Structure formats: structure tokens, C-alpha cells
N, C-alpha and C. Protein backbone atom coordinates (compact mmCIF):
# COMPACT_ATOMS: atom_id res chain seq x y z
N GLU A 1 21.52 72.34 5.62
CA GLU A 1 20.78 73.47 6.16
C GLU A 1 19.43 73.53 5.45
N LEU A 2 18.37 73.55 6.22
CA LEU A 2 17.03 73.53 5.67
C LEU A 2 16.67 74.85 5.00
N HIS A 3 16.97 75.96 5.65
CA HIS A 3 16.66 77.28 5.10
C HIS A 3 17.89 78.17 5.19
N THR A 4 18.00 79.04 4.21
CA THR A 4 19.06 80.05 4.25
C THR A 4 18.39 81.41 4.44
N ARG A 5 19.18 82.39 4.74
CA ARG A 5 18.63 83.75 4.86
C ARG A 5 17.94 84.15 3.57
N GLU A 6 18.54 83.78 2.44
CA GLU A 6 17.96 84.12 1.14
C GLU A 6 16.64 83.39 0.91
N SER A 7 16.56 82.12 1.27
CA SER A 7 15.30 81.39 1.06
C SER A 7 14.19 81.93 1.96
N ILE A 8 14.53 82.33 3.16
CA ILE A 8 13.54 82.93 4.07
C ILE A 8 13.08 84.27 3.54
N ASP A 9 14.01 85.10 3.07
CA ASP A 9 13.66 86.40 2.48
C ASP A 9 12.77 86.23 1.25
N ASN A 10 13.09 85.25 0.41
CA ASN A 10 12.28 85.00 -0.78
C ASN A 10 10.88 84.54 -0.41
N ALA A 11 10.76 83.66 0.56
CA ALA A 11 9.45 83.18 1.00
C ALA A 11 8.63 84.32 1.59
N THR A 12 9.27 85.18 2.38
CA THR A 12 8.58 86.33 2.97
C THR A 12 8.10 87.28 1.89
N ALA A 13 8.93 87.56 0.90
CA ALA A 13 8.53 88.45 -0.20
C ALA A 13 7.37 87.87 -0.99
N LEU A 14 7.41 86.58 -1.26
CA LEU A 14 6.33 85.93 -2.00
C LEU A 14 5.02 85.98 -1.22
N MET A 15 5.07 85.68 0.07
CA MET A 15 3.85 85.72 0.89
C MET A 15 3.29 87.13 0.92
N SER A 16 4.15 88.11 1.03
CA SER A 16 3.68 89.50 1.07
C SER A 16 3.01 89.90 -0.23
N MET A 17 3.54 89.44 -1.35
CA MET A 17 2.93 89.77 -2.64
C MET A 17 1.55 89.14 -2.78
N LEU A 18 1.36 87.99 -2.18
CA LEU A 18 0.10 87.27 -2.32
C LEU A 18 -0.95 87.67 -1.31
N ILE A 19 -0.56 88.26 -0.22
CA ILE A 19 -1.51 88.62 0.85
C ILE A 19 -1.82 90.10 0.72
N GLN A 20 -2.82 90.42 -0.13
CA GLN A 20 -3.09 91.81 -0.48
C GLN A 20 -4.54 92.23 -0.29
N THR A 21 -5.42 91.34 0.14
CA THR A 21 -6.82 91.70 0.33
C THR A 21 -7.24 91.44 1.77
N ARG A 22 -8.37 92.00 2.16
CA ARG A 22 -8.91 91.77 3.51
C ARG A 22 -9.04 90.27 3.78
N GLN A 23 -9.64 89.56 2.84
CA GLN A 23 -9.87 88.12 3.05
C GLN A 23 -8.56 87.35 3.16
N GLN A 24 -7.58 87.71 2.34
CA GLN A 24 -6.28 87.03 2.39
C GLN A 24 -5.59 87.29 3.73
N LEU A 25 -5.69 88.51 4.23
CA LEU A 25 -5.10 88.82 5.54
C LEU A 25 -5.79 88.04 6.65
N GLU A 26 -7.13 88.06 6.63
CA GLU A 26 -7.87 87.33 7.66
C GLU A 26 -7.56 85.84 7.62
N ASP A 27 -7.54 85.28 6.42
CA ASP A 27 -7.23 83.86 6.26
C ASP A 27 -5.82 83.54 6.76
N SER A 28 -4.87 84.43 6.50
CA SER A 28 -3.50 84.20 6.92
C SER A 28 -3.37 84.20 8.44
N VAL A 29 -3.99 85.17 9.08
CA VAL A 29 -3.96 85.23 10.54
C VAL A 29 -4.63 83.97 11.11
N HIS A 30 -5.77 83.62 10.54
CA HIS A 30 -6.48 82.41 10.97
C HIS A 30 -5.58 81.18 10.85
N ASP A 31 -4.94 81.01 9.71
CA ASP A 31 -4.10 79.84 9.47
C ASP A 31 -2.92 79.78 10.45
N ILE A 32 -2.28 80.91 10.66
CA ILE A 32 -1.12 80.95 11.57
C ILE A 32 -1.54 80.59 12.98
N LEU A 33 -2.62 81.21 13.45
CA LEU A 33 -3.01 81.00 14.85
C LEU A 33 -3.62 79.63 15.09
N THR A 34 -4.40 79.12 14.16
CA THR A 34 -4.97 77.79 14.37
C THR A 34 -3.89 76.72 14.31
N LYS A 35 -2.90 76.90 13.44
CA LYS A 35 -1.78 75.95 13.39
C LYS A 35 -0.97 76.02 14.68
N ALA A 36 -0.75 77.21 15.18
CA ALA A 36 -0.03 77.36 16.45
C ALA A 36 -0.78 76.65 17.58
N LYS A 37 -2.09 76.80 17.61
CA LYS A 37 -2.90 76.14 18.64
C LYS A 37 -2.79 74.62 18.51
N GLU A 38 -2.83 74.10 17.27
CA GLU A 38 -2.66 72.66 17.05
C GLU A 38 -1.32 72.18 17.57
N ASP A 39 -0.32 73.04 17.54
CA ASP A 39 1.02 72.72 18.03
C ASP A 39 1.18 73.02 19.52
N ASN A 40 0.05 73.28 20.20
CA ASN A 40 0.02 73.53 21.65
C ASN A 40 0.73 74.81 22.08
N VAL A 41 0.78 75.79 21.19
CA VAL A 41 1.35 77.09 21.54
C VAL A 41 0.32 77.83 22.39
N THR A 42 0.76 78.42 23.49
CA THR A 42 -0.16 79.16 24.35
C THR A 42 0.03 80.67 24.23
N TYR A 43 1.17 81.09 23.69
CA TYR A 43 1.44 82.52 23.47
C TYR A 43 2.26 82.66 22.20
N ILE A 44 1.90 83.65 21.38
CA ILE A 44 2.62 83.88 20.14
C ILE A 44 2.66 85.38 19.85
N GLU A 45 3.73 85.83 19.26
CA GLU A 45 3.83 87.20 18.77
C GLU A 45 3.76 87.14 17.25
N LEU A 46 2.73 87.73 16.71
CA LEU A 46 2.49 87.76 15.28
C LEU A 46 3.15 89.00 14.70
N GLN A 47 4.08 88.81 13.79
CA GLN A 47 4.81 89.93 13.20
C GLN A 47 4.15 90.32 11.89
N VAL A 48 3.93 91.61 11.71
CA VAL A 48 3.32 92.10 10.47
C VAL A 48 4.06 93.34 9.99
N ARG A 49 4.26 93.39 8.70
CA ARG A 49 4.86 94.56 8.05
C ARG A 49 3.75 95.14 7.15
N PRO A 50 2.96 96.08 7.66
CA PRO A 50 1.77 96.56 6.94
C PRO A 50 2.04 97.06 5.53
N THR A 51 3.15 97.74 5.32
CA THR A 51 3.42 98.29 4.00
C THR A 51 3.59 97.21 2.94
N ALA A 52 3.87 95.98 3.35
CA ALA A 52 4.02 94.88 2.40
C ALA A 52 2.67 94.39 1.88
N HIS A 53 1.58 94.85 2.50
CA HIS A 53 0.25 94.36 2.14
C HIS A 53 -0.65 95.47 1.59
N THR A 54 -0.05 96.49 1.01
CA THR A 54 -0.82 97.63 0.50
C THR A 54 -0.77 97.76 -1.02
N LYS A 55 -0.38 96.71 -1.71
CA LYS A 55 -0.23 96.77 -3.17
C LYS A 55 -1.57 96.85 -3.92
N ARG A 56 -2.65 96.39 -3.28
CA ARG A 56 -3.96 96.40 -3.93
C ARG A 56 -4.93 97.35 -3.22
N LYS A 57 -4.44 98.48 -2.83
CA LYS A 57 -5.26 99.58 -2.33
C LYS A 57 -5.63 99.53 -0.85
N LEU A 58 -5.24 98.49 -0.09
CA LEU A 58 -5.44 98.56 1.35
C LEU A 58 -4.48 99.60 1.91
N SER A 59 -4.93 100.38 2.87
CA SER A 59 -4.05 101.35 3.50
C SER A 59 -3.30 100.69 4.66
N PHE A 60 -2.25 101.35 5.09
CA PHE A 60 -1.47 100.91 6.26
C PHE A 60 -2.42 100.68 7.43
N GLU A 61 -3.31 101.64 7.67
CA GLU A 61 -4.24 101.56 8.80
C GLU A 61 -5.22 100.40 8.64
N GLU A 62 -5.70 100.17 7.43
CA GLU A 62 -6.62 99.06 7.20
C GLU A 62 -5.95 97.72 7.48
N VAL A 63 -4.71 97.58 7.05
CA VAL A 63 -3.98 96.34 7.31
C VAL A 63 -3.89 96.10 8.81
N ILE A 64 -3.50 97.11 9.55
CA ILE A 64 -3.39 96.98 11.01
C ILE A 64 -4.73 96.61 11.62
N ASP A 65 -5.79 97.31 11.22
CA ASP A 65 -7.13 97.03 11.76
C ASP A 65 -7.57 95.60 11.48
N ILE A 66 -7.36 95.14 10.26
CA ILE A 66 -7.74 93.78 9.88
C ILE A 66 -7.01 92.76 10.74
N VAL A 67 -5.70 92.92 10.85
CA VAL A 67 -4.89 91.97 11.62
C VAL A 67 -5.29 92.00 13.10
N LEU A 68 -5.45 93.20 13.67
CA LEU A 68 -5.80 93.28 15.09
C LEU A 68 -7.19 92.72 15.37
N ASN A 69 -8.15 93.02 14.52
CA ASN A 69 -9.50 92.49 14.74
C ASN A 69 -9.54 90.98 14.65
N LYS A 70 -8.88 90.41 13.66
CA LYS A 70 -8.86 88.95 13.52
C LYS A 70 -8.08 88.33 14.66
N LYS A 71 -6.99 88.95 15.06
CA LYS A 71 -6.19 88.46 16.18
C LYS A 71 -7.02 88.44 17.45
N ASP A 72 -7.77 89.51 17.72
CA ASP A 72 -8.60 89.57 18.93
C ASP A 72 -9.66 88.48 18.92
N GLN A 73 -10.32 88.30 17.79
CA GLN A 73 -11.36 87.28 17.66
C GLN A 73 -10.79 85.89 17.94
N LEU A 74 -9.68 85.57 17.28
CA LEU A 74 -9.13 84.23 17.39
C LEU A 74 -8.46 83.97 18.74
N ALA A 75 -7.84 84.99 19.32
CA ALA A 75 -7.21 84.82 20.63
C ALA A 75 -8.26 84.39 21.65
N LYS A 76 -9.44 85.00 21.55
CA LYS A 76 -10.52 84.66 22.46
C LYS A 76 -11.04 83.24 22.16
N GLU A 77 -11.30 82.96 20.90
CA GLU A 77 -11.83 81.64 20.50
C GLU A 77 -10.87 80.51 20.85
N LEU A 78 -9.58 80.74 20.66
CA LEU A 78 -8.58 79.70 20.86
C LEU A 78 -8.00 79.69 22.26
N ASN A 79 -8.41 80.66 23.08
CA ASN A 79 -7.88 80.79 24.44
C ASN A 79 -6.34 80.80 24.41
N MET A 80 -5.83 81.79 23.68
CA MET A 80 -4.41 81.87 23.41
C MET A 80 -3.93 83.30 23.56
N GLY A 81 -2.76 83.48 24.12
CA GLY A 81 -2.16 84.81 24.19
C GLY A 81 -1.55 85.18 22.86
N VAL A 82 -2.00 86.30 22.28
CA VAL A 82 -1.50 86.72 20.97
C VAL A 82 -1.23 88.22 21.02
N GLU A 83 -0.04 88.60 20.65
CA GLU A 83 0.32 90.01 20.51
C GLU A 83 0.80 90.24 19.08
N VAL A 84 0.72 91.48 18.64
CA VAL A 84 1.15 91.83 17.29
C VAL A 84 2.36 92.76 17.38
N VAL A 85 3.38 92.42 16.62
CA VAL A 85 4.58 93.26 16.50
C VAL A 85 4.53 93.88 15.11
N VAL A 86 4.54 95.20 15.05
CA VAL A 86 4.43 95.90 13.79
C VAL A 86 5.81 96.38 13.35
N TYR A 87 6.19 95.99 12.14
CA TYR A 87 7.42 96.45 11.53
C TYR A 87 7.07 97.51 10.51
N VAL A 88 7.75 98.63 10.57
CA VAL A 88 7.44 99.74 9.67
C VAL A 88 8.67 100.08 8.85
N ASP A 89 8.46 100.16 7.55
CA ASP A 89 9.51 100.56 6.62
C ASP A 89 8.89 101.60 5.70
N TRP A 90 9.25 102.85 5.84
CA TRP A 90 8.62 103.93 5.09
C TRP A 90 9.26 104.14 3.73
N ASN A 91 10.21 103.31 3.35
CA ASN A 91 10.88 103.46 2.05
C ASN A 91 10.03 102.94 0.93
């Protein structure tokens, strides 16, 4: 088995800890969408958990705005269908 539930959870937690600034969020969205385009993906749903990216003073709203703005820009540039799924955990 290549990945376990635990290894996926650990990777997700690590990525969330590292993606804490505007630039890191923009770069992450860019990397995900350009890689998807290279793989001939024509539609993708980008999942984001905003509260995981607020450790360095970004607000929930700022995270959403950053992701949506970058998604809109790249969807147009890459001619790709992109939607955002927001996961919210208020704990």
C-alpha cells in the first residue's frame, strides 16, 4: 500500500503548517493547477481548509480571498474548470 490514512493525514498536517503566508498560498494553488494542466485535467475541485492556514496572522477571509483570486486567474490562463470546496472546522 503506497499511502495509509495516517500518512495522508500527516502529509496534510505538514502542508498546512508550511502554507501560512499569501505567497505560499498563491504558490500552492499555482503548483496544484499547473501540474493538473500538465496531466491534461480539464476540471478540478480544489479543497481548502482555511483555518489550517491562519497560524501566521492571515484571517479566514483572507485565505479564502487569496485562494479564490489565484484560482480565478489561473483558471482563465490555463483554460481549465476550477471550483473551490471549503472545509470549515471551528474547533
